[in-house]
PDB file of all heavy atoms in Angstrom:
ATOM      1  N   ASN A   1     -60.985 -19.954  65.840  1.00  0.00           N
ATOM      2  CA  ASN A   1     -60.801 -19.121  64.653  1.00  0.00           C
ATOM      3  C   ASN A   1     -59.364 -18.636  64.569  1.00  0.00           C
ATOM      4  O   ASN A   1     -58.835 -18.059  65.519  1.00  0.00           O
ATOM      5  CB  ASN A   1     -61.720 -17.893  64.708  1.00  0.00           C
ATOM      6  CG  ASN A   1     -63.160 -18.253  64.486  1.00  0.00           C
ATOM      7  OD1 ASN A   1     -63.517 -18.707  63.418  1.00  0.00           O
ATOM      8  ND2 ASN A   1     -63.985 -18.082  65.502  1.00  0.00           N
ATOM      9  N   LEU A   2     -58.750 -18.875  63.446  1.00  0.00           N
ATOM     10  CA  LEU A   2     -57.416 -18.367  63.159  1.00  0.00           C
ATOM     11  C   LEU A   2     -57.528 -17.604  61.845  1.00  0.00           C
ATOM     12  O   LEU A   2     -57.901 -18.169  60.820  1.00  0.00           O
ATOM     13  CB  LEU A   2     -56.416 -19.519  63.026  1.00  0.00           C
ATOM     14  CG  LEU A   2     -54.986 -19.158  62.660  1.00  0.00           C
ATOM     15  CD1 LEU A   2     -54.360 -18.275  63.734  1.00  0.00           C
ATOM     16  CD2 LEU A   2     -54.155 -20.403  62.449  1.00  0.00           C
ATOM     17  N   ASN A   3     -57.286 -16.296  61.918  1.00  0.00           N
ATOM     18  CA  ASN A   3     -57.387 -15.458  60.721  1.00  0.00           C
ATOM     19  C   ASN A   3     -56.552 -14.197  60.924  1.00  0.00           C
ATOM     20  O   ASN A   3     -55.802 -14.093  61.892  1.00  0.00           O
ATOM     21  CB  ASN A   3     -58.856 -15.130  60.417  1.00  0.00           C
ATOM     22  CG  ASN A   3     -59.572 -14.489  61.575  1.00  0.00           C
ATOM     23  OD1 ASN A   3     -59.092 -13.515  62.155  1.00  0.00           O
ATOM     24  ND2 ASN A   3     -60.723 -15.031  61.940  1.00  0.00           N
ATOM     25  N   ARG A   4     -56.699 -13.246  60.046  1.00  0.00           N
ATOM     26  CA  ARG A   4     -55.889 -12.037  60.107  1.00  0.00           C
ATOM     27  C   ARG A   4     -56.157 -11.205  61.363  1.00  0.00           C
ATOM     28  O   ARG A   4     -55.316 -10.418  61.781  1.00  0.00           O
ATOM     29  CB  ARG A   4     -56.125 -11.195  58.863  1.00  0.00           C
ATOM     30  CG  ARG A   4     -55.715 -11.938  57.603  1.00  0.00           C
ATOM     31  CD  ARG A   4     -55.842 -11.085  56.414  1.00  0.00           C
ATOM     32  NE  ARG A   4     -54.467 -10.676  56.089  1.00  0.00           N
ATOM     33  CZ  ARG A   4     -54.136  -9.953  55.067  1.00  0.00           C
ATOM     34  NH1 ARG A   4     -55.064  -9.500  54.254  1.00  0.00           N
ATOM     35  NH2 ARG A   4     -52.888  -9.657  54.832  1.00  0.00           N
ATOM     36  N   ASN A   5     -57.315 -11.377  61.987  1.00  0.00           N
ATOM     37  CA  ASN A   5     -57.658 -10.600  63.173  1.00  0.00           C
ATOM     38  C   ASN A   5     -57.379 -11.334  64.480  1.00  0.00           C
ATOM     39  O   ASN A   5     -57.309 -10.706  65.537  1.00  0.00           O
ATOM     40  CB  ASN A   5     -59.139 -10.200  63.130  1.00  0.00           C
ATOM     41  CG  ASN A   5     -59.426  -9.283  61.970  1.00  0.00           C
ATOM     42  OD1 ASN A   5     -58.635  -8.410  61.646  1.00  0.00           O
ATOM     43  ND2 ASN A   5     -60.552  -9.491  61.309  1.00  0.00           N
ATOM     44  N   SER A   6     -57.262 -12.641  64.441  1.00  0.00           N
ATOM     45  CA  SER A   6     -57.001 -13.396  65.662  1.00  0.00           C
ATOM     46  C   SER A   6     -56.046 -14.545  65.366  1.00  0.00           C
ATOM     47  O   SER A   6     -56.284 -15.342  64.472  1.00  0.00           O
ATOM     48  CB  SER A   6     -58.297 -13.935  66.264  1.00  0.00           C
ATOM     49  OG  SER A   6     -58.952 -14.793  65.366  1.00  0.00           O
ATOM     50  N   GLY A   7     -54.941 -14.566  66.098  1.00  0.00           N
ATOM     51  CA  GLY A   7     -53.981 -15.643  65.962  1.00  0.00           C
ATOM     52  C   GLY A   7     -52.899 -15.425  64.925  1.00  0.00           C
ATOM     53  O   GLY A   7     -52.119 -16.322  64.659  1.00  0.00           O
ATOM     54  N   SER A   8     -52.817 -14.243  64.341  1.00  0.00           N
ATOM     55  CA  SER A   8     -51.826 -13.994  63.297  1.00  0.00           C
ATOM     56  C   SER A   8     -50.743 -13.023  63.779  1.00  0.00           C
ATOM     57  O   SER A   8     -50.953 -11.811  63.823  1.00  0.00           O
ATOM     58  CB  SER A   8     -52.489 -13.427  62.041  1.00  0.00           C
ATOM     59  OG  SER A   8     -51.507 -13.075  61.084  1.00  0.00           O
ATOM     60  N   THR A   9     -49.581 -13.561  64.136  1.00  0.00           N
ATOM     61  CA  THR A   9     -48.473 -12.691  64.521  1.00  0.00           C
ATOM     62  C   THR A   9     -47.971 -11.889  63.323  1.00  0.00           C
ATOM     63  O   THR A   9     -47.525 -10.753  63.484  1.00  0.00           O
ATOM     64  CB  THR A   9     -47.309 -13.491  65.123  1.00  0.00           C
ATOM     65  OG1 THR A   9     -46.902 -14.499  64.202  1.00  0.00           O
ATOM     66  CG2 THR A   9     -47.710 -14.140  66.422  1.00  0.00           C
ATOM     67  N   PHE A  10     -48.061 -12.455  62.137  1.00  0.00           N
ATOM     68  CA  PHE A  10     -47.623 -11.738  60.935  1.00  0.00           C
ATOM     69  C   PHE A  10     -48.429 -10.459  60.737  1.00  0.00           C
ATOM     70  O   PHE A  10     -47.877  -9.388  60.504  1.00  0.00           O
ATOM     71  CB  PHE A  10     -47.729 -12.634  59.697  1.00  0.00           C
ATOM     72  CG  PHE A  10     -47.338 -11.935  58.429  1.00  0.00           C
ATOM     73  CD1 PHE A  10     -46.006 -11.684  58.145  1.00  0.00           C
ATOM     74  CD2 PHE A  10     -48.304 -11.508  57.529  1.00  0.00           C
ATOM     75  CE1 PHE A  10     -45.634 -11.024  56.981  1.00  0.00           C
ATOM     76  CE2 PHE A  10     -47.951 -10.855  56.362  1.00  0.00           C
ATOM     77  CZ  PHE A  10     -46.609 -10.609  56.083  1.00  0.00           C
ATOM     78  N   ASP A  11     -49.751 -10.557  60.847  1.00  0.00           N
ATOM     79  CA  ASP A  11     -50.592  -9.370  60.659  1.00  0.00           C
ATOM     80  C   ASP A  11     -50.388  -8.364  61.787  1.00  0.00           C
ATOM     81  O   ASP A  11     -50.406  -7.157  61.550  1.00  0.00           O
ATOM     82  CB  ASP A  11     -52.060  -9.772  60.518  1.00  0.00           C
ATOM     83  CG  ASP A  11     -52.322 -10.434  59.170  1.00  0.00           C
ATOM     84  OD1 ASP A  11     -52.220  -9.738  58.151  1.00  0.00           O
ATOM     85  OD2 ASP A  11     -52.599 -11.640  59.147  1.00  0.00           O
ATOM     86  N   ALA A  12     -50.179  -8.834  63.026  1.00  0.00           N
ATOM     87  CA  ALA A  12     -49.890  -7.914  64.135  1.00  0.00           C
ATOM     88  C   ALA A  12     -48.568  -7.193  63.898  1.00  0.00           C
ATOM     89  O   ALA A  12     -48.446  -5.989  64.150  1.00  0.00           O
ATOM     90  CB  ALA A  12     -49.850  -8.684  65.459  1.00  0.00           C
ATOM     91  N   TRP A  13     -47.578  -7.915  63.389  1.00  0.00           N
ATOM     92  CA  TRP A  13     -46.278  -7.322  63.067  1.00  0.00           C
ATOM     93  C   TRP A  13     -46.426  -6.274  61.971  1.00  0.00           C
ATOM     94  O   TRP A  13     -45.887  -5.179  62.068  1.00  0.00           O
ATOM     95  CB  TRP A  13     -45.316  -8.441  62.650  1.00  0.00           C
ATOM     96  CG  TRP A  13     -43.994  -7.994  62.111  1.00  0.00           C
ATOM     97  CD1 TRP A  13     -42.950  -7.477  62.828  1.00  0.00           C
ATOM     98  CD2 TRP A  13     -43.580  -8.025  60.754  1.00  0.00           C
ATOM     99  NE1 TRP A  13     -41.897  -7.194  61.984  1.00  0.00           N
ATOM    100  CE2 TRP A  13     -42.262  -7.525  60.699  1.00  0.00           C
ATOM    101  CE3 TRP A  13     -44.184  -8.438  59.570  1.00  0.00           C
ATOM    102  CZ2 TRP A  13     -41.551  -7.423  59.510  1.00  0.00           C
ATOM    103  CZ3 TRP A  13     -43.466  -8.346  58.384  1.00  0.00           C
ATOM    104  CH2 TRP A  13     -42.165  -7.833  58.367  1.00  0.00           C
ATOM    105  N   GLN A  14     -47.196  -6.581  60.941  1.00  0.00           N
ATOM    106  CA  GLN A  14     -47.440  -5.607  59.872  1.00  0.00           C
ATOM    107  C   GLN A  14     -48.185  -4.380  60.392  1.00  0.00           C
ATOM    108  O   GLN A  14     -47.873  -3.256  60.000  1.00  0.00           O
ATOM    109  CB  GLN A  14     -48.236  -6.240  58.728  1.00  0.00           C
ATOM    110  CG  GLN A  14     -47.396  -7.078  57.809  1.00  0.00           C
ATOM    111  CD  GLN A  14     -48.160  -7.485  56.574  1.00  0.00           C
ATOM    112  OE1 GLN A  14     -49.340  -7.796  56.634  1.00  0.00           O
ATOM    113  NE2 GLN A  14     -47.478  -7.479  55.447  1.00  0.00           N
ATOM    114  N   ASP A  15     -49.162  -4.595  61.267  1.00  0.00           N
ATOM    115  CA  ASP A  15     -49.944  -3.479  61.816  1.00  0.00           C
ATOM    116  C   ASP A  15     -49.086  -2.509  62.622  1.00  0.00           C
ATOM    117  O   ASP A  15     -49.419  -1.330  62.728  1.00  0.00           O
ATOM    118  CB  ASP A  15     -51.086  -4.000  62.699  1.00  0.00           C
ATOM    119  CG  ASP A  15     -52.199  -4.659  61.904  1.00  0.00           C
ATOM    120  OD1 ASP A  15     -52.246  -4.482  60.659  1.00  0.00           O
ATOM    121  OD2 ASP A  15     -53.018  -5.370  62.516  1.00  0.00           O
ATOM    122  N   MET A  16     -47.978  -2.998  63.190  1.00  0.00           N
ATOM    123  CA  MET A  16     -47.103  -2.098  63.950  1.00  0.00           C
ATOM    124  C   MET A  16     -46.020  -1.476  63.079  1.00  0.00           C
ATOM    125  O   MET A  16     -45.124  -0.816  63.573  1.00  0.00           O
ATOM    126  CB  MET A  16     -46.510  -2.808  65.167  1.00  0.00           C
ATOM    127  CG  MET A  16     -45.575  -3.926  64.852  1.00  0.00           C
ATOM    128  SD  MET A  16     -44.717  -4.605  66.309  1.00  0.00           S
ATOM    129  CE  MET A  16     -46.009  -4.959  67.429  1.00  0.00           C
ATOM    130  N   GLY A  17     -46.119  -1.668  61.765  1.00  0.00           N
ATOM    131  CA  GLY A  17     -45.171  -1.038  60.850  1.00  0.00           C
ATOM    132  C   GLY A  17     -44.066  -1.952  60.365  1.00  0.00           C
ATOM    133  O   GLY A  17     -43.100  -1.490  59.757  1.00  0.00           O
ATOM    134  N   ALA A  18     -44.172  -3.243  60.631  1.00  0.00           N
ATOM    135  CA  ALA A  18     -43.197  -4.244  60.189  1.00  0.00           C
ATOM    136  C   ALA A  18     -41.764  -3.876  60.564  1.00  0.00           C
ATOM    137  O   ALA A  18     -40.886  -3.801  59.705  1.00  0.00           O
ATOM    138  CB  ALA A  18     -43.332  -4.478  58.687  1.00  0.00           C
ATOM    139  N   PRO A  19     -41.496  -3.649  61.861  1.00  0.00           N
ATOM    140  CA  PRO A  19     -40.135  -3.265  62.249  1.00  0.00           C
ATOM    141  C   PRO A  19     -39.123  -4.376  61.965  1.00  0.00           C
ATOM    142  O   PRO A  19     -39.424  -5.558  62.129  1.00  0.00           O
ATOM    143  CB  PRO A  19     -40.257  -3.015  63.754  1.00  0.00           C
ATOM    144  CG  PRO A  19     -41.428  -3.832  64.183  1.00  0.00           C
ATOM    145  CD  PRO A  19     -42.373  -3.833  63.024  1.00  0.00           C
ATOM    146  N   GLU A  20     -37.936  -3.971  61.506  1.00  0.00           N
ATOM    147  CA  GLU A  20     -36.881  -4.948  61.229  1.00  0.00           C
ATOM    148  C   GLU A  20     -36.210  -5.418  62.507  1.00  0.00           C
ATOM    149  O   GLU A  20     -35.804  -6.568  62.601  1.00  0.00           O
ATOM    150  CB  GLU A  20     -35.853  -4.346  60.271  1.00  0.00           C
ATOM    151  CG  GLU A  20     -36.414  -4.128  58.884  1.00  0.00           C
ATOM    152  CD  GLU A  20     -35.382  -3.603  57.903  1.00  0.00           C
ATOM    153  OE1 GLU A  20     -34.182  -3.875  58.093  1.00  0.00           O
ATOM    154  OE2 GLU A  20     -35.782  -2.923  56.958  1.00  0.00           O
ATOM    155  N   GLN A  21     -36.055  -4.533  63.459  1.00  0.00           N
ATOM    156  CA  GLN A  21     -35.461  -4.878  64.754  1.00  0.00           C
ATOM    157  C   GLN A  21     -36.598  -5.065  65.756  1.00  0.00           C
ATOM    158  O   GLN A  21     -37.455  -4.198  65.886  1.00  0.00           O
ATOM    159  CB  GLN A  21     -34.551  -3.734  65.229  1.00  0.00           C
ATOM    160  CG  GLN A  21     -33.432  -3.404  64.275  1.00  0.00           C
ATOM    161  CD  GLN A  21     -32.202  -4.257  64.534  1.00  0.00           C
ATOM    162  OE1 GLN A  21     -31.981  -4.687  65.659  1.00  0.00           O
ATOM    163  NE2 GLN A  21     -31.418  -4.510  63.499  1.00  0.00           N
ATOM    164  N   ILE A  22     -36.576  -6.185  66.451  1.00  0.00           N
ATOM    165  CA  ILE A  22     -37.645  -6.467  67.413  1.00  0.00           C
ATOM    166  C   ILE A  22     -37.036  -6.644  68.804  1.00  0.00           C
ATOM    167  O   ILE A  22     -36.259  -7.573  69.037  1.00  0.00           O
ATOM    168  CB  ILE A  22     -38.451  -7.711  66.998  1.00  0.00           C
ATOM    169  CG1 ILE A  22     -39.119  -7.467  65.652  1.00  0.00           C
ATOM    170  CG2 ILE A  22     -39.464  -8.074  68.060  1.00  0.00           C
ATOM    171  CD1 ILE A  22     -39.938  -8.605  65.133  1.00  0.00           C
ATOM    172  N   GLN A  23     -37.395  -5.730  69.700  1.00  0.00           N
ATOM    173  CA  GLN A  23     -36.947  -5.800  71.085  1.00  0.00           C
ATOM    174  C   GLN A  23     -37.784  -6.837  71.837  1.00  0.00           C
ATOM    175  O   GLN A  23     -38.821  -7.290  71.371  1.00  0.00           O
ATOM    176  CB  GLN A  23     -37.069  -4.430  71.774  1.00  0.00           C
ATOM    177  CG  GLN A  23     -36.164  -3.355  71.213  1.00  0.00           C
ATOM    178  CD  GLN A  23     -36.745  -2.710  69.951  1.00  0.00           C
ATOM    179  OE1 GLN A  23     -37.926  -2.836  69.665  1.00  0.00           O
ATOM    180  NE2 GLN A  23     -35.895  -2.025  69.200  1.00  0.00           N
ATOM    181  N   THR A  24     -37.349  -7.167  73.036  1.00  0.00           N
ATOM    182  CA  THR A  24     -38.009  -8.194  73.837  1.00  0.00           C
ATOM    183  C   THR A  24     -39.471  -7.872  74.103  1.00  0.00           C
ATOM    184  O   THR A  24     -40.332  -8.749  73.982  1.00  0.00           O
ATOM    185  CB  THR A  24     -37.273  -8.389  75.179  1.00  0.00           C
ATOM    186  OG1 THR A  24     -35.917  -8.734  74.903  1.00  0.00           O
ATOM    187  CG2 THR A  24     -37.910  -9.487  76.018  1.00  0.00           C
ATOM    188  N   ASP A  25     -39.789  -6.615  74.432  1.00  0.00           N
ATOM    189  CA  ASP A  25     -41.185  -6.270  74.728  1.00  0.00           C
ATOM    190  C   ASP A  25     -42.067  -6.421  73.489  1.00  0.00           C
ATOM    191  O   ASP A  25     -43.195  -6.883  73.575  1.00  0.00           O
ATOM    192  CB  ASP A  25     -41.296  -4.873  75.332  1.00  0.00           C
ATOM    193  CG  ASP A  25     -40.759  -3.776  74.430  1.00  0.00           C
ATOM    194  OD1 ASP A  25     -39.933  -4.074  73.533  1.00  0.00           O
ATOM    195  OD2 ASP A  25     -41.146  -2.609  74.621  1.00  0.00           O
ATOM    196  N   VAL A  26     -41.546  -6.058  72.331  1.00  0.00           N
ATOM    197  CA  VAL A  26     -42.300  -6.210  71.083  1.00  0.00           C
ATOM    198  C   VAL A  26     -42.453  -7.696  70.750  1.00  0.00           C
ATOM    199  O   VAL A  26     -43.532  -8.143  70.339  1.00  0.00           O
ATOM    200  CB  VAL A  26     -41.624  -5.442  69.922  1.00  0.00           C
ATOM    201  CG1 VAL A  26     -42.311  -5.727  68.604  1.00  0.00           C
ATOM    202  CG2 VAL A  26     -41.606  -3.952  70.221  1.00  0.00           C
ATOM    203  N   TYR A  27     -41.400  -8.460  70.937  1.00  0.00           N
ATOM    204  CA  TYR A  27     -41.461  -9.913  70.704  1.00  0.00           C
ATOM    205  C   TYR A  27     -42.536 -10.550  71.590  1.00  0.00           C
ATOM    206  O   TYR A  27     -43.342 -11.355  71.121  1.00  0.00           O
ATOM    207  CB  TYR A  27     -40.096 -10.553  70.975  1.00  0.00           C
ATOM    208  CG  TYR A  27     -40.131 -12.064  70.905  1.00  0.00           C
ATOM    209  CD1 TYR A  27     -40.079 -12.716  69.679  1.00  0.00           C
ATOM    210  CD2 TYR A  27     -40.252 -12.830  72.069  1.00  0.00           C
ATOM    211  CE1 TYR A  27     -40.135 -14.101  69.611  1.00  0.00           C
ATOM    212  CE2 TYR A  27     -40.302 -14.205  72.005  1.00  0.00           C
ATOM    213  CZ  TYR A  27     -40.243 -14.838  70.777  1.00  0.00           C
ATOM    214  OH  TYR A  27     -40.313 -16.206  70.719  1.00  0.00           O
ATOM    215  N   ASN A  28     -42.548 -10.181  72.872  1.00  0.00           N
ATOM    216  CA  ASN A  28     -43.545 -10.735  73.792  1.00  0.00           C
ATOM    217  C   ASN A  28     -44.959 -10.346  73.386  1.00  0.00           C
ATOM    218  O   ASN A  28     -45.885 -11.153  73.497  1.00  0.00           O
ATOM    219  CB  ASN A  28     -43.255 -10.288  75.223  1.00  0.00           C
ATOM    220  CG  ASN A  28     -41.995 -10.934  75.779  1.00  0.00           C
ATOM    221  OD1 ASN A  28     -41.589 -12.003  75.332  1.00  0.00           O
ATOM    222  ND2 ASN A  28     -41.363 -10.279  76.732  1.00  0.00           N
ATOM    223  N   TYR A  29     -45.130  -9.125  72.913  1.00  0.00           N
ATOM    224  CA  TYR A  29     -46.448  -8.695  72.428  1.00  0.00           C
ATOM    225  C   TYR A  29     -46.867  -9.547  71.233  1.00  0.00           C
ATOM    226  O   TYR A  29     -47.987 -10.053  71.181  1.00  0.00           O
ATOM    227  CB  TYR A  29     -46.405  -7.212  72.044  1.00  0.00           C
ATOM    228  CG  TYR A  29     -47.650  -6.769  71.332  1.00  0.00           C
ATOM    229  CD1 TYR A  29     -48.823  -6.517  72.026  1.00  0.00           C
ATOM    230  CD2 TYR A  29     -47.663  -6.621  69.944  1.00  0.00           C
ATOM    231  CE1 TYR A  29     -49.970  -6.131  71.365  1.00  0.00           C
ATOM    232  CE2 TYR A  29     -48.806  -6.232  69.276  1.00  0.00           C
ATOM    233  CZ  TYR A  29     -49.964  -5.987  69.993  1.00  0.00           C
ATOM    234  OH  TYR A  29     -51.098  -5.615  69.330  1.00  0.00           O
ATOM    235  N   LEU A  30     -45.977  -9.707  70.264  1.00  0.00           N
ATOM    236  CA  LEU A  30     -46.299 -10.503  69.072  1.00  0.00           C
ATOM    237  C   LEU A  30     -46.576 -11.954  69.454  1.00  0.00           C
ATOM    238  O   LEU A  30     -47.474 -12.584  68.892  1.00  0.00           O
ATOM    239  CB  LEU A  30     -45.166 -10.424  68.054  1.00  0.00           C
ATOM    240  CG  LEU A  30     -45.004  -9.072  67.364  1.00  0.00           C
ATOM    241  CD1 LEU A  30     -43.741  -9.058  66.514  1.00  0.00           C
ATOM    242  CD2 LEU A  30     -46.219  -8.726  66.519  1.00  0.00           C
ATOM    243  N   LYS A  31     -45.822 -12.478  70.403  1.00  0.00           N
ATOM    244  CA  LYS A  31     -46.032 -13.852  70.866  1.00  0.00           C
ATOM    245  C   LYS A  31     -47.442 -14.016  71.452  1.00  0.00           C
ATOM    246  O   LYS A  31     -48.075 -15.055  71.270  1.00  0.00           O
ATOM    247  CB  LYS A  31     -44.977 -14.191  71.922  1.00  0.00           C
ATOM    248  CG  LYS A  31     -44.879 -15.620  72.287  1.00  0.00           C
ATOM    249  CD  LYS A  31     -43.970 -16.338  71.339  1.00  0.00           C
ATOM    250  CE  LYS A  31     -43.685 -17.722  71.895  1.00  0.00           C
ATOM    251  NZ  LYS A  31     -43.981 -18.766  70.968  1.00  0.00           N
ATOM    252  N   SER A  32     -47.943 -12.981  72.109  1.00  0.00           N
ATOM    253  CA  SER A  32     -49.286 -13.054  72.693  1.00  0.00           C
ATOM    254  C   SER A  32     -50.380 -13.067  71.620  1.00  0.00           C
ATOM    255  O   SER A  32     -51.509 -13.446  71.900  1.00  0.00           O
ATOM    256  CB  SER A  32     -49.520 -11.880  73.643  1.00  0.00           C
ATOM    257  OG  SER A  32     -49.734 -10.675  72.928  1.00  0.00           O
ATOM    258  N   LYS A  33     -50.061 -12.665  70.412  1.00  0.00           N
ATOM    259  CA  LYS A  33     -51.036 -12.611  69.324  1.00  0.00           C
ATOM    260  C   LYS A  33     -51.190 -13.928  68.580  1.00  0.00           C
ATOM    261  O   LYS A  33     -52.012 -14.044  67.693  1.00  0.00           O
ATOM    262  CB  LYS A  33     -50.654 -11.510  68.320  1.00  0.00           C
ATOM    263  CG  LYS A  33     -50.718 -10.124  68.895  1.00  0.00           C
ATOM    264  CD  LYS A  33     -52.137  -9.800  69.243  1.00  0.00           C
ATOM    265  CE  LYS A  33     -52.309  -8.404  69.753  1.00  0.00           C
ATOM    266  NZ  LYS A  33     -53.696  -8.085  70.023  1.00  0.00           N
ATOM    267  N   GLU A  34     -50.396 -14.958  68.941  1.00  0.00           N
ATOM    268  CA  GLU A  34     -50.434 -16.215  68.199  1.00  0.00           C
ATOM    269  C   GLU A  34     -51.564 -17.145  68.636  1.00  0.00           C
ATOM    270  O   GLU A  34     -51.740 -18.212  68.071  1.00  0.00           O
ATOM    271  CB  GLU A  34     -49.097 -16.938  68.305  1.00  0.00           C
ATOM    272  CG  GLU A  34     -48.799 -17.508  69.678  1.00  0.00           C
ATOM    273  CD  GLU A  34     -47.425 -18.138  69.770  1.00  0.00           C
ATOM    274  OE1 GLU A  34     -46.633 -18.013  68.817  1.00  0.00           O
ATOM    275  OE2 GLU A  34     -47.137 -18.745  70.800  1.00  0.00           O
ATOM    276  N   ILE A  35     -52.344 -16.743  69.601  1.00  0.00           N
ATOM    277  CA  ILE A  35     -53.412 -17.595  70.121  1.00  0.00           C
ATOM    278  C   ILE A  35     -54.708 -17.364  69.338  1.00  0.00           C
ATOM    279  O   ILE A  35     -55.190 -16.238  69.252  1.00  0.00           O
ATOM    280  CB  ILE A  35     -53.639 -17.320  71.617  1.00  0.00           C
ATOM    281  CG1 ILE A  35     -52.351 -17.595  72.392  1.00  0.00           C
ATOM    282  CG2 ILE A  35     -54.784 -18.158  72.159  1.00  0.00           C
ATOM    283  CD1 ILE A  35     -52.369 -17.123  73.815  1.00  0.00           C
ATOM    284  N   PRO A  36     -55.285 -18.413  68.758  1.00  0.00           N
ATOM    285  CA  PRO A  36     -56.542 -18.258  68.033  1.00  0.00           C
ATOM    286  C   PRO A  36     -57.680 -17.852  68.972  1.00  0.00           C
ATOM    287  O   PRO A  36     -57.649 -18.117  70.163  1.00  0.00           O
ATOM    288  CB  PRO A  36     -56.820 -19.651  67.455  1.00  0.00           C
ATOM    289  CG  PRO A  36     -55.550 -20.396  67.571  1.00  0.00           C
ATOM    290  CD  PRO A  36     -54.784 -19.782  68.691  1.00  0.00           C
ATOM    291  N   GLU A  37     -58.685 -17.236  68.409  1.00  0.00           N
ATOM    292  CA  GLU A  37     -59.894 -16.896  69.165  1.00  0.00           C
ATOM    293  C   GLU A  37     -60.686 -18.182  69.377  1.00  0.00           C
ATOM    294  O   GLU A  37     -60.754 -19.036  68.491  1.00  0.00           O
ATOM    295  CB  GLU A  37     -60.718 -15.896  68.363  1.00  0.00           C
ATOM    296  CG  GLU A  37     -62.055 -15.570  68.984  1.00  0.00           C
ATOM    297  CD  GLU A  37     -62.913 -14.697  68.076  1.00  0.00           C
ATOM    298  OE1 GLU A  37     -62.883 -14.874  66.860  1.00  0.00           O
ATOM    299  OE2 GLU A  37     -63.617 -13.839  68.614  1.00  0.00           O
ATOM    300  N   ILE A  38     -61.305 -18.310  70.549  1.00  0.00           N
ATOM    301  CA  ILE A  38     -62.136 -19.477  70.834  1.00  0.00           C
ATOM    302  C   ILE A  38     -63.489 -19.011  71.358  1.00  0.00           C
ATOM    303  O   ILE A  38     -63.571 -18.082  72.165  1.00  0.00           O
ATOM    304  CB  ILE A  38     -61.457 -20.435  71.838  1.00  0.00           C
ATOM    305  CG1 ILE A  38     -62.330 -21.666  72.076  1.00  0.00           C
ATOM    306  CG2 ILE A  38     -61.124 -19.747  73.127  1.00  0.00           C
ATOM    307  CD1 ILE A  38     -61.687 -22.738  72.928  1.00  0.00           C
ATOM    308  N   LYS A  39     -64.537 -19.632  70.859  1.00  0.00           N
ATOM    309  CA  LYS A  39     -65.898 -19.388  71.347  1.00  0.00           C
ATOM    310  C   LYS A  39     -66.473 -20.736  71.753  1.00  0.00           C
ATOM    311  O   LYS A  39     -66.349 -21.719  71.029  1.00  0.00           O
ATOM    312  CB  LYS A  39     -66.762 -18.756  70.260  1.00  0.00           C
ATOM    313  CG  LYS A  39     -66.326 -17.358  69.891  1.00  0.00           C
ATOM    314  CD  LYS A  39     -67.218 -16.777  68.819  1.00  0.00           C
ATOM    315  CE  LYS A  39     -66.717 -15.399  68.413  1.00  0.00           C
ATOM    316  NZ  LYS A  39     -67.496 -14.845  67.310  1.00  0.00           N
TER     317      LYS A  39
END
């Protein structure tokens, strides 16, 4: 499943307030959100 709740870095970025500057820790967090859910 790839949707707004799983696998969407864009939606995770928006949920954190859409920061213009992204530090390494925030980038790594967003990178971890790109994986789709699997059942």
